[in-house]
N, C-alpha and C. Protein backbone atom coordinates (compact mmCIF):
# COMPACT_ATOMS: atom_id res chain seq x y z
N MET A 1 6.56 40.45 58.47
CA MET A 1 7.95 39.75 57.89
C MET A 1 6.96 38.69 57.67
N ASP A 2 6.51 38.23 58.72
CA ASP A 2 5.36 36.71 58.63
C ASP A 2 4.55 36.72 57.03
N SER A 3 3.96 37.50 57.33
CA SER A 3 3.43 37.34 55.92
C SER A 3 3.80 37.11 54.91
N TYR A 4 5.21 37.32 54.52
CA TYR A 4 6.35 37.61 53.73
C TYR A 4 6.58 36.05 53.37
N HIS A 5 7.30 35.43 54.70
CA HIS A 5 7.43 34.02 54.90
C HIS A 5 6.31 33.42 54.54
N TYR A 6 5.08 33.48 54.78
CA TYR A 6 4.03 32.91 54.67
C TYR A 6 3.87 32.41 53.32
N LYS A 7 4.03 33.75 52.31
CA LYS A 7 3.71 33.90 50.99
C LYS A 7 4.60 33.12 50.14
N ASP A 8 6.04 33.29 50.79
CA ASP A 8 7.05 32.45 49.92
C ASP A 8 6.94 31.12 50.37
N GLU A 9 6.59 30.46 51.07
CA GLU A 9 6.29 29.11 51.70
C GLU A 9 5.10 28.58 51.00
N GLN A 10 4.47 29.36 50.63
CA GLN A 10 2.90 28.66 50.01
C GLN A 10 3.37 28.81 48.73
N GLN A 11 4.34 29.81 48.56
CA GLN A 11 4.66 29.27 46.71
C GLN A 11 5.71 28.19 46.18
N ILE A 12 6.31 28.14 47.37
CA ILE A 12 7.29 26.99 47.37
C ILE A 12 6.66 25.63 47.13
N ASP A 13 5.38 25.64 48.03
CA ASP A 13 4.48 24.38 48.30
C ASP A 13 4.10 24.23 46.86
N GLU A 14 3.50 25.59 46.19
CA GLU A 14 2.36 25.21 44.82
C GLU A 14 3.57 24.72 43.92
N THR A 15 5.09 25.18 43.85
CA THR A 15 5.71 24.64 42.63
C THR A 15 6.14 23.38 42.71
N GLY A 16 6.67 23.05 44.29
CA GLY A 16 7.02 21.63 44.39
C GLY A 16 5.55 20.79 44.18
N THR A 17 4.82 21.19 44.52
CA THR A 17 3.53 20.33 44.07
C THR A 17 3.11 19.91 42.31
N TRP A 18 3.71 21.48 41.91
CA TRP A 18 3.21 20.97 40.58
C TRP A 18 4.39 20.15 39.64
N LEU A 19 5.90 20.33 40.32
CA LEU A 19 6.78 19.58 40.00
C LEU A 19 6.74 18.00 40.51
N SER A 20 6.08 17.53 41.45
CA SER A 20 5.57 16.67 41.47
C SER A 20 4.95 15.98 40.26
N ILE A 21 3.58 16.66 40.33
CA ILE A 21 2.81 16.15 39.29
C ILE A 21 3.54 15.84 37.94
N SER A 22 4.42 16.98 37.65
CA SER A 22 4.97 16.28 35.87
C SER A 22 5.77 15.53 36.00
N ASP A 23 6.11 15.53 37.25
CA ASP A 23 7.49 13.87 37.45
C ASP A 23 6.75 12.87 37.15
N LEU A 24 5.54 12.61 37.82
CA LEU A 24 4.81 11.88 37.68
C LEU A 24 4.17 11.66 36.61
N MET A 25 3.90 12.85 36.00
CA MET A 25 3.02 12.48 34.32
C MET A 25 3.94 11.66 33.47
N ALA A 26 5.40 12.48 33.62
CA ALA A 26 6.58 11.96 32.63
C ALA A 26 6.66 10.75 32.85
N GLY A 27 6.80 9.98 34.23
CA GLY A 27 7.09 8.54 34.62
C GLY A 27 5.76 7.58 33.66
N LEU A 28 4.69 8.11 34.04
CA LEU A 28 3.60 7.52 33.62
C LEU A 28 3.85 7.03 32.21
N LEU A 29 4.02 8.06 31.56
CA LEU A 29 4.14 8.53 29.67
C LEU A 29 4.92 7.31 29.25
N MET A 30 6.44 7.50 29.95
CA MET A 30 7.24 6.46 29.95
C MET A 30 6.92 5.18 30.07
N VAL A 31 6.26 4.70 31.07
CA VAL A 31 5.92 3.58 31.43
C VAL A 31 4.74 3.06 30.22
N PHE A 32 4.18 4.03 29.96
CA PHE A 32 2.88 3.73 28.80
C PHE A 32 3.74 3.38 27.45
N ALA A 33 4.37 4.36 27.25
CA ALA A 33 5.53 4.39 25.79
C ALA A 33 6.31 3.06 26.08
N LEU A 34 6.83 2.19 26.91
CA LEU A 34 7.25 1.24 26.85
C LEU A 34 6.71 -0.24 26.87
N LEU A 35 5.09 -0.13 27.64
CA LEU A 35 4.41 -1.43 27.31
C LEU A 35 3.61 -1.17 26.06
N LEU A 36 3.68 0.22 25.03
CA LEU A 36 3.21 -0.11 23.82
C LEU A 36 4.38 -0.37 23.21
N ILE A 37 5.55 -0.12 23.24
CA ILE A 37 6.46 -0.75 22.37
C ILE A 37 6.60 -3.02 22.53
N VAL A 38 6.55 -2.74 23.50
CA VAL A 38 7.05 -4.33 23.98
C VAL A 38 5.88 -4.87 23.23
N THR A 39 4.50 -4.65 23.55
CA THR A 39 3.10 -5.02 23.02
C THR A 39 3.38 -4.86 21.66
N LEU A 40 4.13 -3.85 20.60
CA LEU A 40 3.52 -4.22 19.42
C LEU A 40 4.82 -4.95 18.94
N ALA A 41 6.24 -5.47 19.81
CA ALA A 41 6.68 -6.24 19.44
C ALA A 41 6.25 -7.70 19.21
N GLN A 42 5.71 -7.86 20.39
CA GLN A 42 5.11 -9.18 20.48
C GLN A 42 4.12 -9.15 19.57
N LEU A 43 2.86 -8.59 19.09
CA LEU A 43 2.18 -8.58 17.83
C LEU A 43 3.02 -9.02 16.88
N PHE A 44 4.01 -8.45 16.33
CA PHE A 44 5.12 -8.14 15.29
C PHE A 44 5.15 -9.98 15.22
N GLU A 45 5.94 -10.31 16.55
CA GLU A 45 6.39 -11.83 16.88
C GLU A 45 5.34 -12.58 16.28
N PHE A 46 4.05 -12.14 16.83
CA PHE A 46 2.66 -12.83 16.70
C PHE A 46 2.48 -13.46 15.19
N GLN A 47 2.16 -12.39 14.35
CA GLN A 47 2.22 -11.91 12.84
C GLN A 47 3.05 -12.58 12.22
N GLU A 48 4.08 -12.86 12.64
CA GLU A 48 5.34 -13.79 12.09
C GLU A 48 5.40 -15.04 12.32
N GLN A 49 4.69 -15.34 13.36
CA GLN A 49 4.54 -16.65 13.29
C GLN A 49 3.47 -17.59 12.74
N SER A 50 2.23 -16.41 13.01
CA SER A 50 1.08 -16.95 12.00
C SER A 50 1.54 -17.12 10.69
N LYS A 51 1.89 -15.83 10.07
CA LYS A 51 2.32 -15.87 8.52
C LYS A 51 3.57 -17.24 8.00
N SER A 52 4.43 -18.12 9.59
CA SER A 52 4.74 -19.10 9.07
C SER A 52 3.96 -20.42 9.13
N ASN A 53 3.11 -20.21 10.07
CA ASN A 53 2.32 -21.46 10.32
C ASN A 53 1.15 -21.32 8.49
N ARG A 54 1.58 -20.17 7.72
CA ARG A 54 0.50 -20.48 6.62
C ARG A 54 1.26 -21.16 5.77
N ILE A 55 2.66 -20.34 5.66
CA ILE A 55 3.94 -21.04 4.77
C ILE A 55 3.70 -22.58 4.94
N ILE A 56 3.53 -22.99 5.96
CA ILE A 56 3.78 -24.45 6.41
C ILE A 56 2.76 -25.28 5.87
N ILE A 57 1.55 -24.85 5.72
CA ILE A 57 0.70 -25.17 4.94
C ILE A 57 0.61 -25.45 3.74
N VAL A 58 0.52 -24.12 3.06
CA VAL A 58 0.81 -24.26 1.62
C VAL A 58 1.89 -25.35 1.03
N GLU A 59 3.01 -25.01 1.69
CA GLU A 59 4.13 -25.98 1.31
C GLU A 59 3.71 -27.23 1.71
N GLU A 60 3.27 -27.94 2.38
CA GLU A 60 2.61 -29.14 2.73
C GLU A 60 1.87 -29.58 1.75
N ILE A 61 1.12 -28.91 1.43
CA ILE A 61 0.05 -29.38 0.55
C ILE A 61 0.62 -29.58 -0.61
N GLN A 62 1.30 -28.53 -1.30
CA GLN A 62 2.34 -28.51 -2.54
C GLN A 62 3.09 -29.30 -2.55
N LYS A 63 3.77 -30.44 -1.61
CA LYS A 63 4.57 -31.46 -1.31
C LYS A 63 3.62 -32.81 -1.19
N GLY A 64 2.46 -32.49 -0.71
CA GLY A 64 1.33 -33.28 -1.12
C GLY A 64 0.75 -34.43 -2.46
N LEU A 65 0.51 -32.96 -3.09
CA LEU A 65 -0.12 -32.98 -4.20
C LEU A 65 1.00 -33.57 -5.35
N GLU A 66 2.24 -33.13 -4.89
CA GLU A 66 3.45 -33.75 -5.93
C GLU A 66 2.83 -34.95 -5.68
N ARG A 67 3.24 -35.74 -4.85
CA ARG A 67 3.19 -37.18 -4.27
C ARG A 67 1.88 -37.97 -4.72
N VAL A 68 1.16 -37.20 -5.39
CA VAL A 68 -0.28 -37.93 -5.39
C VAL A 68 -0.49 -37.71 -7.39
N GLY A 69 0.60 -36.82 -7.57
CA GLY A 69 0.69 -36.43 -8.94
C GLY A 69 -0.31 -35.61 -9.16
N ILE A 70 -1.14 -34.47 -8.28
CA ILE A 70 -2.00 -33.45 -9.13
C ILE A 70 -0.72 -32.04 -8.85
N GLN A 71 -1.13 -31.19 -9.98
CA GLN A 71 -0.05 -30.48 -10.29
C GLN A 71 -0.47 -28.95 -9.53
N SER A 72 0.17 -27.68 -9.20
CA SER A 72 -0.21 -27.13 -7.82
C SER A 72 0.60 -25.80 -8.90
N LYS A 73 0.31 -24.58 -8.10
CA LYS A 73 1.29 -23.54 -8.56
C LYS A 73 0.98 -22.35 -7.51
N ILE A 74 2.29 -21.69 -7.09
CA ILE A 74 1.85 -20.57 -6.17
C ILE A 74 2.10 -19.46 -6.88
N ASP A 75 1.03 -17.73 -6.73
CA ASP A 75 1.07 -16.98 -7.23
C ASP A 75 1.47 -16.22 -6.80
N ALA A 76 2.00 -14.73 -7.02
CA ALA A 76 3.15 -13.94 -6.02
C ALA A 76 2.66 -13.27 -4.63
N GLN A 77 1.21 -13.68 -4.20
CA GLN A 77 0.73 -13.08 -3.13
C GLN A 77 0.56 -14.85 -2.27
N GLY A 78 1.48 -15.57 -2.33
CA GLY A 78 1.46 -17.02 -1.90
C GLY A 78 0.29 -17.93 -1.86
N THR A 79 -0.74 -17.40 -2.66
CA THR A 79 -2.11 -18.16 -3.12
C THR A 79 -2.05 -19.32 -3.68
N LEU A 80 -1.81 -20.35 -3.50
CA LEU A 80 -2.29 -22.03 -3.78
C LEU A 80 -2.88 -22.34 -4.79
N SER A 81 -3.20 -22.59 -5.74
CA SER A 81 -4.06 -22.88 -6.63
C SER A 81 -3.78 -24.12 -7.52
N LEU A 82 -4.29 -24.90 -7.93
CA LEU A 82 -4.54 -25.57 -8.88
C LEU A 82 -4.70 -25.79 -10.78
N VAL A 83 -3.27 -26.68 -10.97
CA VAL A 83 -3.08 -26.59 -12.47
C VAL A 83 -4.64 -27.51 -12.98
N GLU A 84 -5.07 -28.26 -12.15
CA GLU A 84 -5.90 -29.23 -12.78
C GLU A 84 -7.32 -29.17 -11.49
N GLY A 85 -8.39 -29.04 -12.02
CA GLY A 85 -9.67 -29.23 -10.93
C GLY A 85 -10.82 -30.14 -11.27
N LEU A 86 -11.74 -29.72 -10.59
CA LEU A 86 -13.02 -30.15 -10.77
C LEU A 86 -14.02 -30.09 -11.26
N HIS A 87 -14.37 -30.56 -12.58
CA HIS A 87 -15.39 -29.78 -13.40
C HIS A 87 -16.63 -30.49 -13.54
N PHE A 88 -17.80 -29.88 -14.32
CA PHE A 88 -19.07 -30.15 -14.64
C PHE A 88 -19.49 -30.36 -15.44
N GLU A 89 -20.39 -30.88 -16.08
CA GLU A 89 -21.24 -30.93 -17.30
C GLU A 89 -22.05 -29.49 -17.22
N THR A 90 -22.65 -29.11 -18.37
CA THR A 90 -23.19 -27.82 -18.59
C THR A 90 -24.77 -28.18 -17.55
N GLY A 91 -25.23 -27.23 -16.90
CA GLY A 91 -26.03 -27.78 -15.97
C GLY A 91 -26.10 -28.59 -15.11
N SER A 92 -25.34 -29.38 -14.84
CA SER A 92 -25.37 -30.58 -13.74
C SER A 92 -24.00 -29.98 -12.56
N ALA A 93 -24.82 -30.71 -11.50
CA ALA A 93 -23.78 -30.58 -10.16
C ALA A 93 -23.15 -31.82 -10.12
N GLU A 94 -23.45 -32.66 -10.75
CA GLU A 94 -23.18 -34.40 -10.10
C GLU A 94 -21.31 -34.35 -10.50
N ILE A 95 -20.98 -35.02 -9.83
CA ILE A 95 -19.82 -35.37 -9.42
C ILE A 95 -19.37 -36.57 -10.35
N ASN A 96 -18.97 -36.20 -11.90
CA ASN A 96 -18.51 -37.93 -12.27
C ASN A 96 -17.34 -38.81 -11.76
N ALA A 97 -17.03 -39.53 -12.22
CA ALA A 97 -16.15 -40.52 -11.75
C ALA A 97 -14.52 -39.73 -11.88
N GLU A 98 -14.66 -39.22 -12.87
CA GLU A 98 -12.73 -38.55 -12.68
C GLU A 98 -12.90 -37.77 -11.45
N GLY A 99 -13.93 -36.87 -11.35
CA GLY A 99 -14.10 -35.94 -10.03
C GLY A 99 -14.06 -36.54 -8.92
N ARG A 100 -14.69 -37.78 -8.66
CA ARG A 100 -14.65 -38.45 -7.62
C ARG A 100 -13.02 -39.00 -7.38
N ALA A 101 -12.31 -39.49 -8.22
CA ALA A 101 -10.82 -40.04 -8.29
C ALA A 101 -9.62 -38.58 -7.65
N PHE A 102 -10.34 -37.41 -8.26
CA PHE A 102 -9.82 -36.45 -8.03
C PHE A 102 -9.57 -35.99 -6.44
N LEU A 103 -10.79 -36.13 -6.07
CA LEU A 103 -11.07 -35.65 -4.64
C LEU A 103 -10.65 -36.63 -3.57
N LYS A 104 -10.79 -38.17 -3.85
CA LYS A 104 -9.96 -38.85 -3.29
C LYS A 104 -8.39 -38.60 -3.07
N LYS A 105 -7.60 -37.92 -4.39
CA LYS A 105 -6.66 -37.89 -3.86
C LYS A 105 -5.73 -36.73 -2.92
N LEU A 106 -7.06 -35.70 -3.57
CA LEU A 106 -6.80 -34.40 -2.89
C LEU A 106 -7.08 -33.75 -1.56
N ILE A 107 -8.20 -34.17 -0.85
CA ILE A 107 -8.74 -34.12 0.32
C ILE A 107 -7.64 -34.72 1.51
N PRO A 108 -7.02 -35.60 1.61
CA PRO A 108 -6.59 -36.52 2.06
C PRO A 108 -4.88 -35.51 2.52
N VAL A 109 -4.80 -34.56 1.30
CA VAL A 109 -3.68 -34.21 1.28
C VAL A 109 -4.03 -32.71 2.00
N TYR A 110 -5.22 -31.89 1.51
CA TYR A 110 -5.44 -30.89 2.58
C TYR A 110 -5.21 -30.99 3.82
N SER A 111 -6.09 -32.46 4.22
CA SER A 111 -6.43 -32.26 5.68
C SER A 111 -5.15 -32.92 6.47
N GLN A 112 -4.17 -33.58 6.07
CA GLN A 112 -3.01 -33.76 6.41
C GLN A 112 -1.88 -32.47 6.65
N ALA A 113 -2.42 -31.38 5.88
CA ALA A 113 -1.76 -30.21 6.01
C ALA A 113 -2.04 -29.33 7.10
N ILE A 114 -3.16 -29.43 7.08
CA ILE A 114 -4.19 -28.23 8.03
C ILE A 114 -3.69 -28.85 9.50
N PHE A 115 -3.87 -30.35 9.49
CA PHE A 115 -3.57 -30.89 11.27
C PHE A 115 -2.43 -30.94 11.52
N THR A 116 -1.51 -31.03 10.69
CA THR A 116 0.16 -31.00 10.85
C THR A 116 0.53 -30.82 12.20
N ASN A 117 -0.14 -30.13 12.81
CA ASN A 117 0.38 -29.98 14.42
C ASN A 117 -1.28 -28.48 14.63
N ALA A 118 -0.79 -28.28 16.17
CA ALA A 118 -2.14 -27.79 16.61
C ALA A 118 -1.97 -26.06 15.94
N GLU A 119 -0.74 -25.68 15.83
CA GLU A 119 -0.99 -24.16 15.80
C GLU A 119 -1.51 -24.03 14.29
N THR A 120 -0.90 -24.74 13.21
CA THR A 120 -1.64 -24.94 12.01
C THR A 120 -3.21 -24.79 11.68
N ALA A 121 -3.51 -26.13 12.30
CA ALA A 121 -4.96 -26.27 12.07
C ALA A 121 -5.34 -25.14 12.80
N GLU A 122 -4.95 -24.03 13.92
CA GLU A 122 -5.66 -22.90 14.75
C GLU A 122 -5.64 -21.98 13.47
N GLU A 123 -4.48 -22.45 12.48
CA GLU A 123 -4.74 -20.86 11.61
C GLU A 123 -5.65 -20.70 10.43
N VAL A 124 -6.05 -22.05 10.11
CA VAL A 124 -7.05 -21.93 9.55
C VAL A 124 -8.97 -21.54 9.89
N ASN A 125 -9.49 -20.77 9.62
CA ASN A 125 -10.36 -20.39 9.82
C ASN A 125 -11.47 -21.50 8.90
N TYR A 126 -11.25 -21.25 7.46
CA TYR A 126 -12.36 -22.34 7.03
C TYR A 126 -11.68 -22.76 5.65
N LEU A 127 -12.13 -23.78 5.58
CA LEU A 127 -11.64 -24.36 3.86
C LEU A 127 -12.96 -23.74 2.88
N ILE A 128 -12.89 -22.79 2.09
CA ILE A 128 -14.21 -22.63 1.60
C ILE A 128 -14.17 -23.46 0.32
N ILE A 129 -15.03 -24.11 -0.11
CA ILE A 129 -15.40 -24.98 -1.25
C ILE A 129 -16.03 -24.09 -2.14
N GLU A 130 -15.97 -23.42 -3.18
CA GLU A 130 -16.68 -22.72 -3.86
C GLU A 130 -16.75 -23.12 -5.28
N GLY A 131 -18.03 -23.46 -5.69
CA GLY A 131 -18.68 -23.39 -6.64
C GLY A 131 -18.85 -22.43 -7.53
N HIS A 132 -18.47 -22.81 -8.92
CA HIS A 132 -18.78 -21.94 -10.35
C HIS A 132 -19.31 -22.39 -11.60
N SER A 133 -19.75 -21.57 -12.23
CA SER A 133 -20.48 -21.43 -13.44
C SER A 133 -20.03 -20.96 -14.78
N ASP A 134 -20.70 -21.28 -15.83
CA ASP A 134 -20.08 -20.76 -17.20
C ASP A 134 -21.18 -19.18 -17.02
N LYS A 135 -20.74 -18.86 -18.47
CA LYS A 135 -22.13 -17.89 -18.61
C LYS A 135 -22.99 -18.35 -19.44
N THR A 136 -23.04 -19.34 -19.76
CA THR A 136 -24.35 -19.90 -20.86
C THR A 136 -25.09 -20.63 -19.68
N GLU A 137 -25.00 -20.59 -18.67
CA GLU A 137 -26.00 -21.31 -17.36
C GLU A 137 -26.84 -20.22 -17.13
N GLY A 138 -26.73 -18.92 -17.39
CA GLY A 138 -27.98 -18.16 -16.72
C GLY A 138 -27.92 -17.77 -15.83
N SER A 139 -27.49 -16.29 -15.62
CA SER A 139 -27.41 -15.72 -14.21
C SER A 139 -28.24 -16.27 -13.01
N ARG A 140 -29.15 -16.02 -13.02
CA ARG A 140 -29.83 -16.76 -11.66
C ARG A 140 -29.89 -17.95 -11.54
N TYR A 141 -29.77 -19.28 -12.34
CA TYR A 141 -29.58 -20.48 -12.83
C TYR A 141 -28.01 -20.79 -12.19
N ALA A 142 -27.34 -20.08 -12.75
CA ALA A 142 -26.06 -20.24 -12.45
C ALA A 142 -25.34 -20.24 -10.95
N MET A 143 -26.12 -19.06 -9.88
CA MET A 143 -25.84 -19.06 -9.17
C MET A 143 -26.06 -20.52 -8.20
N SER A 144 -27.53 -20.65 -8.01
CA SER A 144 -27.85 -21.72 -7.16
C SER A 144 -27.25 -22.72 -7.56
N LEU A 145 -26.99 -23.29 -8.79
CA LEU A 145 -26.06 -24.17 -9.54
C LEU A 145 -24.57 -24.24 -9.04
N SER A 146 -23.97 -23.29 -8.94
CA SER A 146 -22.40 -23.35 -8.21
C SER A 146 -22.53 -23.62 -7.12
N ILE A 147 -23.71 -23.08 -6.19
CA ILE A 147 -24.09 -23.81 -4.79
C ILE A 147 -24.47 -25.02 -4.61
N ARG A 148 -25.16 -25.77 -5.76
CA ARG A 148 -25.24 -27.25 -5.44
C ARG A 148 -23.74 -28.08 -5.80
N ARG A 149 -23.21 -27.38 -6.41
CA ARG A 149 -21.78 -28.28 -7.33
C ARG A 149 -20.80 -28.22 -5.68
N ALA A 150 -21.24 -26.83 -5.29
CA ALA A 150 -20.00 -26.85 -3.73
C ALA A 150 -20.77 -27.54 -2.66
N GLU A 151 -22.05 -27.83 -2.81
CA GLU A 151 -22.56 -28.70 -1.67
C GLU A 151 -22.59 -30.61 -2.18
N ALA A 152 -22.44 -30.81 -3.52
CA ALA A 152 -22.05 -32.00 -3.79
C ALA A 152 -20.77 -32.21 -3.51
N VAL A 153 -19.48 -31.22 -3.68
CA VAL A 153 -18.42 -31.82 -3.25
C VAL A 153 -18.32 -32.16 -1.79
N SER A 154 -19.07 -31.13 -0.87
CA SER A 154 -19.11 -30.95 0.35
C SER A 154 -19.54 -32.56 0.82
N ASN A 155 -20.93 -32.97 0.47
CA ASN A 155 -21.33 -34.22 0.67
C ASN A 155 -20.71 -35.26 0.45
N TYR A 156 -19.72 -35.16 -0.59
CA TYR A 156 -19.05 -36.61 -1.15
C TYR A 156 -17.87 -36.44 -0.42
N ILE A 157 -17.49 -35.46 0.04
CA ILE A 157 -15.97 -35.58 1.32
C ILE A 157 -16.40 -35.64 2.47
N ALA A 158 -17.78 -35.98 2.87
CA ALA A 158 -18.21 -36.35 4.17
C ALA A 158 -18.81 -37.88 4.25
N SER A 159 -18.93 -38.44 3.03
CA SER A 159 -18.53 -39.94 2.59
C SER A 159 -17.70 -40.63 2.41
N THR A 160 -16.30 -39.97 2.80
CA THR A 160 -15.18 -40.58 1.78
C THR A 160 -14.50 -40.57 3.29
N PRO A 161 -13.73 -41.57 3.84
CA PRO A 161 -13.03 -42.11 4.90
C PRO A 161 -11.60 -41.56 4.50
N PHE A 162 -10.69 -40.94 5.68
CA PHE A 162 -9.72 -40.22 5.55
C PHE A 162 -9.35 -39.56 6.91
N HIS A 163 -7.83 -39.45 6.94
CA HIS A 163 -7.64 -39.02 8.36
C HIS A 163 -8.15 -37.53 8.73
N TYR A 164 -8.55 -37.61 10.05
CA TYR A 164 -8.77 -35.98 10.84
C TYR A 164 -10.26 -35.65 10.20
N LYS A 165 -10.87 -36.55 9.41
CA LYS A 165 -12.09 -36.26 8.68
C LYS A 165 -13.22 -35.15 9.69
N GLY A 166 -13.41 -35.72 10.73
CA GLY A 166 -14.42 -35.00 11.46
C GLY A 166 -13.70 -33.18 11.96
N ARG A 167 -12.78 -33.22 12.24
CA ARG A 167 -12.44 -32.01 12.38
C ARG A 167 -12.10 -31.13 10.78
N PHE A 168 -12.01 -31.73 10.10
CA PHE A 168 -11.80 -31.55 8.61
C PHE A 168 -13.30 -30.81 7.88
N ILE A 169 -14.14 -31.44 8.21
CA ILE A 169 -15.35 -31.35 8.12
C ILE A 169 -15.99 -29.73 8.72
N GLU A 170 -15.51 -29.92 10.13
CA GLU A 170 -16.08 -28.92 11.03
C GLU A 170 -15.45 -27.68 10.15
N LYS A 171 -14.98 -27.49 9.49
CA LYS A 171 -13.91 -26.26 8.90
C LYS A 171 -14.22 -25.97 7.31
N ILE A 172 -14.99 -26.98 6.47
CA ILE A 172 -15.74 -26.71 5.82
C ILE A 172 -16.80 -25.76 5.34
N LEU A 173 -16.83 -24.79 4.56
CA LEU A 173 -17.68 -24.07 4.00
C LEU A 173 -17.96 -23.75 2.98
N PRO A 174 -19.18 -24.43 2.40
CA PRO A 174 -19.63 -24.45 1.05
C PRO A 174 -20.39 -22.91 0.48
N ALA A 175 -19.51 -22.30 -0.90
CA ALA A 175 -20.29 -21.32 -1.52
C ALA A 175 -20.34 -21.39 -2.77
N GLY A 176 -21.18 -20.45 -3.55
CA GLY A 176 -21.12 -20.70 -4.66
C GLY A 176 -20.85 -19.18 -5.39
N ARG A 177 -20.87 -19.01 -6.11
CA ARG A 177 -19.77 -17.31 -7.27
C ARG A 177 -20.60 -17.52 -8.59
N GLY A 178 -21.63 -18.49 -8.42
CA GLY A 178 -22.36 -18.19 -10.47
C GLY A 178 -21.12 -18.40 -11.34
N SER A 179 -21.54 -16.82 -12.03
CA SER A 179 -20.85 -16.95 -13.41
C SER A 179 -20.00 -15.87 -13.07
N HIS A 180 -19.77 -15.28 -11.84
CA HIS A 180 -19.41 -13.83 -11.82
C HIS A 180 -18.05 -13.94 -12.00
N ASP A 181 -17.13 -14.98 -11.76
CA ASP A 181 -15.96 -14.78 -12.08
C ASP A 181 -15.67 -16.31 -13.27
N ALA A 182 -16.11 -16.00 -14.33
CA ALA A 182 -16.47 -16.77 -15.42
C ALA A 182 -15.37 -15.86 -16.34
N SER A 183 -14.69 -16.49 -16.85
CA SER A 183 -13.23 -16.12 -17.97
C SER A 183 -13.84 -16.30 -19.45
N SER A 184 -13.72 -15.14 -20.35
CA SER A 184 -13.95 -15.23 -21.54
C SER A 184 -12.98 -16.15 -22.31
N GLU A 185 -11.64 -15.90 -21.94
CA GLU A 185 -10.32 -16.81 -22.18
C GLU A 185 -10.07 -18.27 -22.02
N LEU A 186 -11.14 -18.55 -21.27
CA LEU A 186 -11.28 -20.10 -20.71
C LEU A 186 -12.55 -20.99 -21.31
N LYS A 187 -11.97 -22.02 -21.67
CA LYS A 187 -13.54 -22.84 -22.31
C LYS A 187 -14.83 -22.82 -21.24
N PRO A 188 -15.64 -23.08 -21.71
CA PRO A 188 -16.75 -23.00 -20.83
C PRO A 188 -16.27 -23.63 -19.44
N LYS A 189 -16.39 -24.97 -20.02
CA LYS A 189 -15.91 -26.40 -19.03
C LYS A 189 -15.09 -26.16 -18.16
N ASP A 190 -14.20 -25.03 -18.39
CA ASP A 190 -13.02 -25.34 -17.27
C ASP A 190 -13.64 -24.01 -15.96
N ASN A 191 -14.74 -23.15 -16.52
CA ASN A 191 -15.29 -22.11 -16.06
C ASN A 191 -16.42 -22.77 -14.69
N ARG A 192 -16.91 -24.36 -15.15
CA ARG A 192 -17.67 -24.80 -14.48
C ARG A 192 -17.03 -25.80 -13.71
N LYS A 193 -16.85 -25.29 -12.23
CA LYS A 193 -15.70 -25.72 -11.53
C LYS A 193 -16.01 -25.61 -10.16
N VAL A 194 -15.31 -26.37 -9.27
CA VAL A 194 -15.06 -26.29 -7.84
C VAL A 194 -13.77 -25.93 -7.65
N ILE A 195 -13.64 -24.80 -6.90
CA ILE A 195 -12.20 -24.96 -6.17
C ILE A 195 -11.99 -24.66 -4.75
N PHE A 196 -11.25 -24.62 -4.25
CA PHE A 196 -10.70 -24.86 -2.68
C PHE A 196 -9.67 -23.79 -2.62
N ARG A 197 -10.18 -22.82 -1.16
CA ARG A 197 -9.67 -22.18 -1.18
C ARG A 197 -9.63 -21.63 0.39
N PHE A 198 -8.13 -21.09 0.94
CA PHE A 198 -8.31 -21.07 2.83
C PHE A 198 -9.10 -19.41 3.16
N GLU A 199 -9.74 -19.63 4.10
CA GLU A 199 -10.03 -18.55 5.13
C GLU A 199 -9.33 -18.44 5.94
N PHE A 200 -8.24 -17.84 6.04
CA PHE A 200 -7.30 -17.71 7.56
C PHE A 200 -7.76 -16.81 8.64
N LYS A 201 -7.34 -17.12 9.86
CA LYS A 201 -7.81 -16.30 10.58
C LYS A 201 -7.05 -14.72 10.24
N SER A 202 -7.90 -13.64 10.89
CA SER A 202 -6.90 -12.31 11.28
C SER A 202 -6.57 -12.10 12.64
N HIS A 203 -5.39 -11.47 12.93
CA HIS A 203 -5.04 -11.51 14.40
C HIS A 203 -4.77 -10.07 14.26
N ASP A 204 -5.28 -9.75 15.26
CA ASP A 204 -5.09 -8.03 15.45
C ASP A 204 -4.62 -8.15 17.16
N LEU A 205 -4.31 -6.81 17.54
CA LEU A 205 -3.78 -6.22 18.91
C LEU A 205 -4.84 -7.04 20.04
N THR A 206 -5.87 -6.93 19.85
CA THR A 206 -7.30 -7.67 20.22
C THR A 206 -7.15 -8.75 20.90
N GLU A 207 -6.25 -9.93 19.80
CA GLU A 207 -6.59 -11.31 19.93
C GLU A 207 -4.94 -11.75 20.60
N LEU A 208 -4.40 -10.50 20.68
CA LEU A 208 -2.92 -10.96 21.21
C LEU A 208 -3.41 -10.67 22.67
N LEU A 209 -3.91 -9.70 23.02
CA LEU A 209 -4.17 -9.56 24.22
C LEU A 209 -5.22 -10.61 24.87
N LYS A 210 -5.91 -10.72 24.01
CA LYS A 210 -6.96 -12.16 24.98
C LYS A 210 -6.19 -13.18 24.87
N LEU A 211 -4.73 -13.69 24.20
CA LEU A 211 -3.91 -14.61 24.08
C LEU A 211 -3.11 -14.55 25.28
N GLU A 212 -3.10 -13.43 25.98
CA GLU A 212 -2.05 -12.90 27.07
C GLU A 212 -2.66 -13.30 28.47
N GLY A 213 -4.07 -12.99 28.27
CA GLY A 213 -4.88 -12.94 29.47
C GLY A 213 -5.36 -14.35 29.62
N LYS A 214 -5.42 -15.54 28.52
CA LYS A 214 -5.91 -16.68 28.81
C LYS A 214 -4.23 -17.19 29.65
N ALA A 215 -3.07 -17.03 28.82
CA ALA A 215 -1.88 -17.57 29.73
C ALA A 215 -1.78 -17.05 31.18
N ASN A 216 -2.10 -15.85 31.54
CA ASN A 216 -1.93 -15.45 32.72
C ASN A 216 -3.02 -16.54 34.10
N VAL A 217 -4.24 -16.54 33.30
CA VAL A 217 -5.20 -17.10 33.63
C VAL A 217 -4.47 -18.41 34.39
N GLN A 218 -3.98 -19.06 33.46
CA GLN A 218 -3.37 -20.58 33.62
C GLN A 218 -2.33 -20.26 34.45
């Protein structure tokens, strides 16, 4: 009888042990699921705030451009583009008087919109100053020429006084596209240009966790 009692008690202990482990795992799974839901909700909120900041930047630029008489438009993706632009003579990277006047009106508007507040300033990774050329300027020469056009604009901005100049210059990234984006539907002059576009910061779960870590440290 004692041996039977021992076996029964052993089976009960083993069953109880497995039930306890099962309950523990179920509890951990529920905690993990809850943390995941909370984190995803925070990430969604974070991304929505980021989107809101970008909209603020674009809207502020558009308002500022209207005030100084520069026409602009927003496409279906929310990208701001200028109806008029900064154009160059064939084979030249020199900014003419009309181009300098255009930049004097344009750059303070961009700077003010980016640095309206700390959140919007943080949203912009780079302001890309992108040089372009037309197809008649040759493929190899066109690339170096487009880069020189972007650099000419960057250098002119650096020589012009405006609010937040130091912080603005830190975000400038000159780049050249050569004649890759030249359109046959446009006049050659309209392809010899410099355009401005934002590179916004990408936000993911890793960045959210980093921000939470900083908040906990503080």
